[in-house]
Amino acid sequence: MHGSTLLMGAAALLLIAGPAAAVTVKNASKSEITIGVDWGSKEKVETIPAGKSVTVDCKDGCGISGPWSFSWKASGDDEITTDGTSLVTNMGKE
């Protein structure tokens, strides 16, 4: 019984310590921006103050739309930076 408890504890620790699959959207502009996050079955709107960022859970993939006029397919630990008018960079895993 002690061995299985130890194994379950180790598995829980790995889940907690494992990398989170979250997309970060950074607002590099001097104005507040609004983005939409679409997981297919649900959507959410996030407001990002100037110079700040927001992180959203996106482990299974999601669409991120914003002031760059199109939706960006994101997943995992992607990092999107916008200047408020166009998509500046997407630093995702290749």
N, C-alpha and C. Protein backbone atom coordinates (compact mmCIF):
# COMPACT_ATOMS: atom_id res chain seq x y z
N MET A 1 0.83 -1.19 0.00
CA MET A 1 0.00 0.00 0.00
C MET A 1 0.87 1.25 0.00
N HIS A 2 1.97 1.22 0.74
CA HIS A 2 2.87 2.36 0.82
C HIS A 2 3.47 2.68 -0.54
N GLY A 3 3.81 1.66 -1.33
CA GLY A 3 4.40 1.86 -2.66
C GLY A 3 3.43 2.55 -3.60
N SER A 4 2.16 2.16 -3.57
CA SER A 4 1.19 2.78 -4.47
C SER A 4 0.92 4.23 -4.07
N THR A 5 0.93 4.52 -2.77
CA THR A 5 0.76 5.89 -2.31
C THR A 5 1.92 6.76 -2.77
N LEU A 6 3.12 6.23 -2.69
CA LEU A 6 4.31 6.95 -3.13
C LEU A 6 4.25 7.20 -4.64
N LEU A 7 3.83 6.19 -5.40
CA LEU A 7 3.71 6.32 -6.85
C LEU A 7 2.67 7.38 -7.22
N MET A 8 1.53 7.36 -6.53
CA MET A 8 0.49 8.35 -6.82
C MET A 8 0.97 9.76 -6.47
N GLY A 9 1.71 9.88 -5.40
CA GLY A 9 2.26 11.18 -5.00
C GLY A 9 3.25 11.71 -6.02
N ALA A 10 4.09 10.81 -6.55
CA ALA A 10 5.07 11.21 -7.57
C ALA A 10 4.35 11.64 -8.84
N ALA A 11 3.31 10.93 -9.24
CA ALA A 11 2.55 11.28 -10.43
C ALA A 11 1.88 12.64 -10.26
N ALA A 12 1.33 12.90 -9.09
CA ALA A 12 0.69 14.20 -8.83
C ALA A 12 1.73 15.32 -8.88
N LEU A 13 2.90 15.07 -8.36
CA LEU A 13 3.97 16.07 -8.38
C LEU A 13 4.38 16.39 -9.81
N LEU A 14 4.46 15.38 -10.66
CA LEU A 14 4.81 15.60 -12.06
C LEU A 14 3.74 16.43 -12.76
N LEU A 15 2.48 16.19 -12.45
CA LEU A 15 1.41 16.98 -13.05
C LEU A 15 1.50 18.44 -12.63
N ILE A 16 1.79 18.65 -11.37
CA ILE A 16 1.89 20.02 -10.85
C ILE A 16 3.13 20.71 -11.39
N ALA A 17 4.25 20.01 -11.43
CA ALA A 17 5.52 20.61 -11.82
C ALA A 17 5.71 20.65 -13.33
N GLY A 18 4.88 19.93 -14.08
CA GLY A 18 5.02 19.90 -15.54
C GLY A 18 4.73 21.26 -16.15
N PRO A 19 5.21 21.47 -17.36
CA PRO A 19 5.01 22.77 -17.99
C PRO A 19 3.55 23.00 -18.32
N ALA A 20 3.11 24.20 -18.08
CA ALA A 20 1.73 24.57 -18.41
C ALA A 20 1.65 24.87 -19.90
N ALA A 21 0.57 24.52 -20.52
CA ALA A 21 0.36 24.80 -21.94
C ALA A 21 -0.48 26.06 -22.04
N ALA A 22 0.17 27.18 -22.05
CA ALA A 22 -0.55 28.45 -22.06
C ALA A 22 0.04 29.36 -23.12
N VAL A 23 -0.84 30.11 -23.78
CA VAL A 23 -0.43 31.08 -24.78
C VAL A 23 -0.37 32.45 -24.10
N THR A 24 0.72 33.16 -24.33
CA THR A 24 0.88 34.51 -23.79
C THR A 24 0.74 35.50 -24.93
N VAL A 25 -0.11 36.51 -24.74
CA VAL A 25 -0.26 37.59 -25.71
C VAL A 25 0.24 38.86 -25.04
N LYS A 26 1.27 39.45 -25.66
CA LYS A 26 1.88 40.67 -25.12
C LYS A 26 1.43 41.87 -25.94
N ASN A 27 1.04 42.92 -25.25
CA ASN A 27 0.63 44.17 -25.88
C ASN A 27 1.81 45.13 -25.85
N ALA A 28 2.48 45.30 -27.00
CA ALA A 28 3.64 46.19 -27.09
C ALA A 28 3.24 47.61 -27.48
N SER A 29 1.96 47.88 -27.55
CA SER A 29 1.51 49.22 -27.95
C SER A 29 1.40 50.15 -26.74
N LYS A 30 1.05 51.37 -27.03
CA LYS A 30 0.87 52.37 -25.97
C LYS A 30 -0.59 52.52 -25.58
N SER A 31 -1.45 51.64 -26.13
CA SER A 31 -2.88 51.68 -25.84
C SER A 31 -3.38 50.32 -25.42
N GLU A 32 -4.47 50.31 -24.69
CA GLU A 32 -5.13 49.07 -24.31
C GLU A 32 -5.67 48.38 -25.56
N ILE A 33 -5.59 47.05 -25.61
CA ILE A 33 -6.17 46.30 -26.72
C ILE A 33 -7.10 45.22 -26.17
N THR A 34 -7.96 44.72 -27.05
CA THR A 34 -8.87 43.64 -26.70
C THR A 34 -8.61 42.49 -27.65
N ILE A 35 -8.54 41.28 -27.09
CA ILE A 35 -8.37 40.09 -27.91
C ILE A 35 -9.53 39.12 -27.64
N GLY A 36 -9.78 38.26 -28.59
CA GLY A 36 -10.76 37.21 -28.41
C GLY A 36 -10.04 35.87 -28.38
N VAL A 37 -10.48 34.98 -27.53
CA VAL A 37 -9.91 33.63 -27.45
C VAL A 37 -11.04 32.67 -27.75
N ASP A 38 -10.82 31.78 -28.72
CA ASP A 38 -11.85 30.85 -29.17
C ASP A 38 -11.34 29.42 -29.05
N TRP A 39 -11.98 28.64 -28.18
CA TRP A 39 -11.62 27.23 -27.99
C TRP A 39 -12.54 26.30 -28.79
N GLY A 40 -13.38 26.84 -29.64
CA GLY A 40 -14.33 26.05 -30.42
C GLY A 40 -15.68 25.97 -29.74
N SER A 41 -15.72 25.44 -28.53
CA SER A 41 -16.99 25.31 -27.81
C SER A 41 -17.27 26.49 -26.88
N LYS A 42 -16.26 27.33 -26.66
CA LYS A 42 -16.47 28.52 -25.83
C LYS A 42 -15.52 29.62 -26.28
N GLU A 43 -15.87 30.85 -25.92
CA GLU A 43 -15.08 32.01 -26.27
C GLU A 43 -14.92 32.92 -25.06
N LYS A 44 -13.89 33.74 -25.11
CA LYS A 44 -13.64 34.68 -24.02
C LYS A 44 -12.98 35.93 -24.60
N VAL A 45 -13.29 37.07 -24.05
CA VAL A 45 -12.67 38.33 -24.45
C VAL A 45 -11.75 38.78 -23.32
N GLU A 46 -10.53 39.16 -23.68
CA GLU A 46 -9.54 39.63 -22.71
C GLU A 46 -9.11 41.04 -23.09
N THR A 47 -8.99 41.91 -22.11
CA THR A 47 -8.47 43.26 -22.32
C THR A 47 -7.05 43.30 -21.77
N ILE A 48 -6.13 43.80 -22.59
CA ILE A 48 -4.72 43.84 -22.18
C ILE A 48 -4.27 45.30 -22.14
N PRO A 49 -3.90 45.80 -20.96
CA PRO A 49 -3.42 47.18 -20.86
C PRO A 49 -2.12 47.37 -21.66
N ALA A 50 -1.82 48.61 -22.00
CA ALA A 50 -0.60 48.94 -22.73
C ALA A 50 0.62 48.40 -21.98
N GLY A 51 1.52 47.75 -22.71
CA GLY A 51 2.76 47.25 -22.13
C GLY A 51 2.61 46.01 -21.27
N LYS A 52 1.44 45.43 -21.19
CA LYS A 52 1.19 44.26 -20.34
C LYS A 52 0.94 43.03 -21.19
N SER A 53 0.72 41.90 -20.53
CA SER A 53 0.42 40.66 -21.24
C SER A 53 -0.65 39.88 -20.50
N VAL A 54 -1.23 38.92 -21.21
CA VAL A 54 -2.22 38.03 -20.62
C VAL A 54 -1.84 36.61 -21.06
N THR A 55 -2.09 35.65 -20.19
CA THR A 55 -1.81 34.25 -20.48
C THR A 55 -3.11 33.48 -20.42
N VAL A 56 -3.37 32.67 -21.47
CA VAL A 56 -4.60 31.89 -21.53
C VAL A 56 -4.26 30.42 -21.73
N ASP A 57 -5.04 29.55 -21.10
CA ASP A 57 -4.88 28.10 -21.25
C ASP A 57 -5.22 27.74 -22.69
N CYS A 58 -4.31 27.04 -23.34
CA CYS A 58 -4.52 26.72 -24.74
C CYS A 58 -3.83 25.41 -25.10
N LYS A 59 -3.86 24.45 -24.19
CA LYS A 59 -3.11 23.20 -24.39
C LYS A 59 -3.59 22.41 -25.60
N ASP A 60 -4.86 22.49 -25.95
CA ASP A 60 -5.40 21.75 -27.08
C ASP A 60 -5.56 22.62 -28.33
N GLY A 61 -5.05 23.83 -28.29
CA GLY A 61 -5.16 24.74 -29.41
C GLY A 61 -6.34 25.68 -29.26
N CYS A 62 -6.18 26.90 -29.76
CA CYS A 62 -7.25 27.88 -29.72
C CYS A 62 -6.97 28.94 -30.78
N GLY A 63 -7.98 29.72 -31.07
CA GLY A 63 -7.82 30.84 -31.98
C GLY A 63 -7.71 32.12 -31.17
N ILE A 64 -6.74 32.96 -31.51
CA ILE A 64 -6.57 34.25 -30.86
C ILE A 64 -6.80 35.31 -31.92
N SER A 65 -7.77 36.18 -31.70
CA SER A 65 -8.02 37.28 -32.64
C SER A 65 -7.85 38.59 -31.90
N GLY A 66 -7.47 39.60 -32.65
CA GLY A 66 -7.24 40.90 -32.02
C GLY A 66 -7.14 42.00 -33.04
N PRO A 67 -6.42 43.06 -32.71
CA PRO A 67 -6.35 44.22 -33.60
C PRO A 67 -5.57 43.96 -34.88
N TRP A 68 -5.03 42.76 -35.05
CA TRP A 68 -4.27 42.47 -36.28
C TRP A 68 -5.17 41.97 -37.40
N SER A 69 -6.47 41.95 -37.19
CA SER A 69 -7.50 41.70 -38.21
C SER A 69 -7.66 40.26 -38.70
N PHE A 70 -7.12 39.30 -38.02
CA PHE A 70 -7.36 37.90 -38.37
C PHE A 70 -7.15 37.05 -37.12
N SER A 71 -7.60 35.81 -37.19
CA SER A 71 -7.45 34.91 -36.06
C SER A 71 -6.15 34.13 -36.21
N TRP A 72 -5.40 34.01 -35.13
CA TRP A 72 -4.13 33.30 -35.13
C TRP A 72 -4.32 31.97 -34.42
N LYS A 73 -4.00 30.87 -35.08
CA LYS A 73 -4.09 29.54 -34.47
C LYS A 73 -2.91 29.39 -33.52
N ALA A 74 -3.19 29.16 -32.26
CA ALA A 74 -2.15 29.08 -31.25
C ALA A 74 -2.32 27.81 -30.43
N SER A 75 -1.24 27.37 -29.82
CA SER A 75 -1.31 26.21 -28.93
C SER A 75 -0.03 26.13 -28.11
N GLY A 76 -0.07 25.24 -27.13
CA GLY A 76 1.12 25.00 -26.31
C GLY A 76 1.59 26.24 -25.60
N ASP A 77 2.86 26.55 -25.78
CA ASP A 77 3.47 27.69 -25.10
C ASP A 77 3.80 28.82 -26.07
N ASP A 78 2.92 29.05 -27.04
CA ASP A 78 3.13 30.14 -28.00
C ASP A 78 3.16 31.48 -27.28
N GLU A 79 3.90 32.41 -27.85
CA GLU A 79 3.97 33.77 -27.33
C GLU A 79 3.72 34.71 -28.50
N ILE A 80 2.65 35.47 -28.43
CA ILE A 80 2.27 36.39 -29.49
C ILE A 80 2.48 37.81 -28.96
N THR A 81 3.14 38.64 -29.78
CA THR A 81 3.33 40.04 -29.43
C THR A 81 2.69 40.90 -30.50
N THR A 82 1.91 41.88 -30.08
CA THR A 82 1.27 42.78 -31.04
C THR A 82 1.59 44.23 -30.69
N ASP A 83 1.69 45.06 -31.74
CA ASP A 83 1.89 46.49 -31.52
C ASP A 83 0.56 47.24 -31.51
N GLY A 84 -0.53 46.48 -31.53
CA GLY A 84 -1.86 47.08 -31.49
C GLY A 84 -2.51 47.23 -32.84
N THR A 85 -1.75 47.10 -33.93
CA THR A 85 -2.32 47.20 -35.26
C THR A 85 -2.01 45.97 -36.11
N SER A 86 -0.90 45.32 -35.86
CA SER A 86 -0.53 44.15 -36.65
C SER A 86 0.15 43.12 -35.75
N LEU A 87 0.16 41.90 -36.21
CA LEU A 87 0.85 40.85 -35.48
C LEU A 87 2.35 41.07 -35.65
N VAL A 88 3.06 41.25 -34.55
CA VAL A 88 4.48 41.53 -34.64
C VAL A 88 5.28 40.24 -34.68
N THR A 89 5.08 39.38 -33.71
CA THR A 89 5.83 38.12 -33.67
C THR A 89 4.97 37.02 -33.09
N ASN A 90 5.30 35.82 -33.47
CA ASN A 90 4.71 34.62 -32.87
C ASN A 90 5.87 33.69 -32.57
N MET A 91 6.21 33.56 -31.31
CA MET A 91 7.33 32.73 -30.90
C MET A 91 6.82 31.39 -30.41
N GLY A 92 6.36 30.55 -31.31
CA GLY A 92 5.81 29.26 -30.94
C GLY A 92 6.83 28.17 -31.09
N LYS A 93 6.47 26.99 -30.64
CA LYS A 93 7.32 25.82 -30.82
C LYS A 93 7.20 25.37 -32.26
N GLU A 94 8.29 25.04 -32.84
CA GLU A 94 8.31 24.57 -34.25
C GLU A 94 8.03 23.11 -34.30
